[in-house]
Amino acid sequence: MRFPVVIHKDANSDYGVTVPDLPGCFSAGETMDDALTNAVEAIELHLEGMLLDSEPLPLPRSIDAHQQNPDYADGVWALVTVDLSRISGKSKRVNITLPERLLAVMDQYAAQHGETRSGLIAEATMTYIANAQMTLE
């Protein structure tokens, strides 16, 4: 799952990172690379906390959806990829049956986007649930 982040840097400070789709999720780093790496960890921890609290996970919106917010006016935008299969505690191996062609399409998509099959299934599940919850509201 890819989350937009906005990066701010004041004179004599580290790079600060805000995750607009996850209120209260912030990070920082001495360099831009460190800030983005730390942002992924902050997002994973934030999402794990939401799952532990049985809160629905929000779907990330596009950068365009956030750019008009004056709180982010002077920031630099980036997208960070979070592998949802890495959160929520210990992984559990399951046996599922899928059509062979669908499995091939999944594997090809995952490879092209630097994801794993498990990560893709986890992301698809969370997206499906988030969309269903939005429909109910």
Protein backbone atom coordinates (compact mmCIF):
# COMPACT_ATOMS: atom_id res chain seq x y z
CA MET A 1 0.00 0.00 0.00
CA ARG A 2 1.42 3.39 -0.94
CA PHE A 3 0.93 6.33 1.42
CA PRO A 4 1.56 9.95 0.47
CA VAL A 5 3.81 11.79 2.92
CA VAL A 6 4.80 15.41 3.13
CA ILE A 7 8.31 16.35 4.19
CA HIS A 8 9.25 19.65 5.83
CA LYS A 9 12.69 20.96 6.68
CA ASP A 10 13.37 24.04 8.74
CA ALA A 11 16.81 25.55 9.08
CA ASN A 12 18.95 23.68 11.62
CA SER A 13 16.48 20.81 11.93
CA ASP A 14 15.99 17.26 10.73
CA TYR A 15 13.53 16.45 7.97
CA GLY A 16 10.05 16.09 9.45
CA VAL A 17 7.50 13.75 7.86
CA THR A 18 3.72 13.90 8.20
CA VAL A 19 1.32 11.21 6.96
CA PRO A 20 -1.89 13.08 6.09
CA ASP A 21 -4.06 9.95 5.91
CA LEU A 22 -3.01 8.85 9.41
CA PRO A 23 -3.62 11.69 11.88
CA GLY A 24 -0.97 11.63 14.58
CA CYS A 25 1.53 9.68 12.48
CA PHE A 26 4.81 11.59 12.22
CA SER A 27 8.45 10.78 11.69
CA ALA A 28 11.79 12.46 11.07
CA GLY A 29 15.31 11.82 9.85
CA GLU A 30 18.65 13.55 9.45
CA THR A 31 18.58 13.01 5.68
CA MET A 32 15.71 12.74 3.22
CA ASP A 33 16.44 9.01 2.82
CA ASP A 34 16.41 8.49 6.58
CA ALA A 35 13.18 10.44 6.89
CA LEU A 36 11.44 8.27 4.25
CA THR A 37 12.76 5.03 5.77
CA ASN A 38 11.61 6.15 9.22
CA ALA A 39 8.23 7.15 7.78
CA VAL A 40 7.62 3.57 6.60
CA GLU A 41 8.37 2.27 10.11
CA ALA A 42 6.10 4.92 11.68
CA ILE A 43 3.25 4.00 9.33
CA GLU A 44 3.66 0.27 10.06
CA LEU A 45 3.56 0.92 13.80
CA HIS A 46 0.60 3.27 13.49
CA LEU A 47 -1.38 0.77 11.41
CA GLU A 48 -0.52 -2.05 13.80
CA GLY A 49 -1.82 0.04 16.68
CA MET A 50 -5.04 0.68 14.77
CA LEU A 51 -5.47 -3.06 14.16
CA LEU A 52 -4.83 -3.84 17.84
CA ASP A 53 -7.50 -1.28 18.75
CA SER A 54 -9.88 -2.82 16.17
CA GLU A 55 -10.00 0.45 14.25
CA PRO A 56 -10.66 0.35 10.50
CA LEU A 57 -7.61 1.12 8.39
CA PRO A 58 -8.06 4.14 6.13
CA LEU A 59 -7.34 3.96 2.44
CA PRO A 60 -4.57 6.32 1.43
CA ARG A 61 -5.73 9.16 -0.78
CA SER A 62 -3.76 10.68 -3.63
CA ILE A 63 -1.27 13.48 -3.21
CA ASP A 64 -3.63 15.67 -5.25
CA ALA A 65 -6.30 15.19 -2.57
CA HIS A 66 -3.98 16.68 0.07
CA GLN A 67 -2.10 19.41 -1.79
CA GLN A 68 -4.71 22.10 -1.19
CA ASN A 69 -4.37 21.74 2.58
CA PRO A 70 -2.51 24.86 3.82
CA ASP A 71 -0.83 22.79 6.57
CA TYR A 72 1.30 21.17 3.87
CA ALA A 73 1.95 24.26 1.74
CA ASP A 74 5.75 24.33 1.81
CA GLY A 75 6.33 20.60 1.97
CA VAL A 76 7.79 18.16 -0.50
CA TRP A 77 5.54 15.23 -1.39
CA ALA A 78 6.60 11.60 -1.71
CA LEU A 79 4.98 8.18 -1.77
CA VAL A 80 6.18 5.44 0.56
CA THR A 81 5.31 1.78 0.16
CA VAL A 82 4.19 -0.17 3.21
CA ASP A 83 3.97 -3.97 3.10
CA LEU A 84 0.84 -4.78 5.10
CA SER A 85 1.96 -8.39 5.49
CA ARG A 86 4.67 -7.12 7.89
CA ILE A 87 2.22 -5.69 10.42
CA SER A 88 -0.24 -7.18 12.86
CA GLY A 89 2.06 -9.49 14.70
CA LYS A 90 3.15 -12.95 13.74
CA SER A 91 2.37 -14.14 10.24
CA LYS A 92 0.32 -17.27 9.87
CA ARG A 93 0.65 -19.63 6.94
CA VAL A 94 -2.67 -20.48 5.27
CA ASN A 95 -3.61 -22.72 2.41
CA ILE A 96 -5.93 -21.15 -0.18
CA THR A 97 -7.10 -22.23 -3.58
CA LEU A 98 -7.10 -19.77 -6.48
CA PRO A 99 -7.52 -20.20 -10.21
CA GLU A 100 -4.11 -20.73 -11.81
CA ARG A 101 -4.47 -17.78 -14.19
CA LEU A 102 -5.47 -15.44 -11.36
CA LEU A 103 -2.44 -16.57 -9.37
CA ALA A 104 -0.19 -15.86 -12.37
CA VAL A 105 -1.67 -12.37 -12.74
CA MET A 106 -1.21 -11.72 -9.01
CA ASP A 107 2.40 -12.85 -9.09
CA GLN A 108 3.17 -10.76 -12.17
CA TYR A 109 1.58 -7.66 -10.64
CA ALA A 110 3.38 -8.17 -7.33
CA ALA A 111 6.74 -8.60 -9.08
CA GLN A 112 6.22 -5.48 -11.20
CA HIS A 113 5.40 -3.41 -8.12
CA GLY A 114 8.09 -4.76 -5.81
CA GLU A 115 5.59 -6.58 -3.61
CA THR A 116 5.12 -10.12 -2.43
CA ARG A 117 2.12 -12.33 -3.07
CA SER A 118 1.28 -12.21 0.64
CA GLY A 119 1.63 -8.44 0.74
CA LEU A 120 -0.63 -8.06 -2.29
CA ILE A 121 -3.30 -10.30 -0.74
CA ALA A 122 -3.07 -8.39 2.57
CA GLU A 123 -3.36 -5.04 0.79
CA ALA A 124 -6.29 -6.21 -1.35
CA THR A 125 -8.09 -7.49 1.74
CA MET A 126 -7.57 -4.27 3.70
CA THR A 127 -8.68 -2.19 0.70
CA TYR A 128 -11.78 -4.33 0.25
CA ILE A 129 -12.70 -4.02 3.94
CA ALA A 130 -12.02 -0.25 4.02
CA ASN A 131 -14.20 0.27 0.93
CA ALA A 132 -16.98 -1.84 2.45
CA GLN A 133 -16.84 0.18 5.69
CA MET A 134 -16.98 3.45 3.75
CA THR A 135 -20.08 2.19 1.93
CA LEU A 136 -21.79 1.44 5.25
CA GLU A 137 -21.15 4.92 6.67
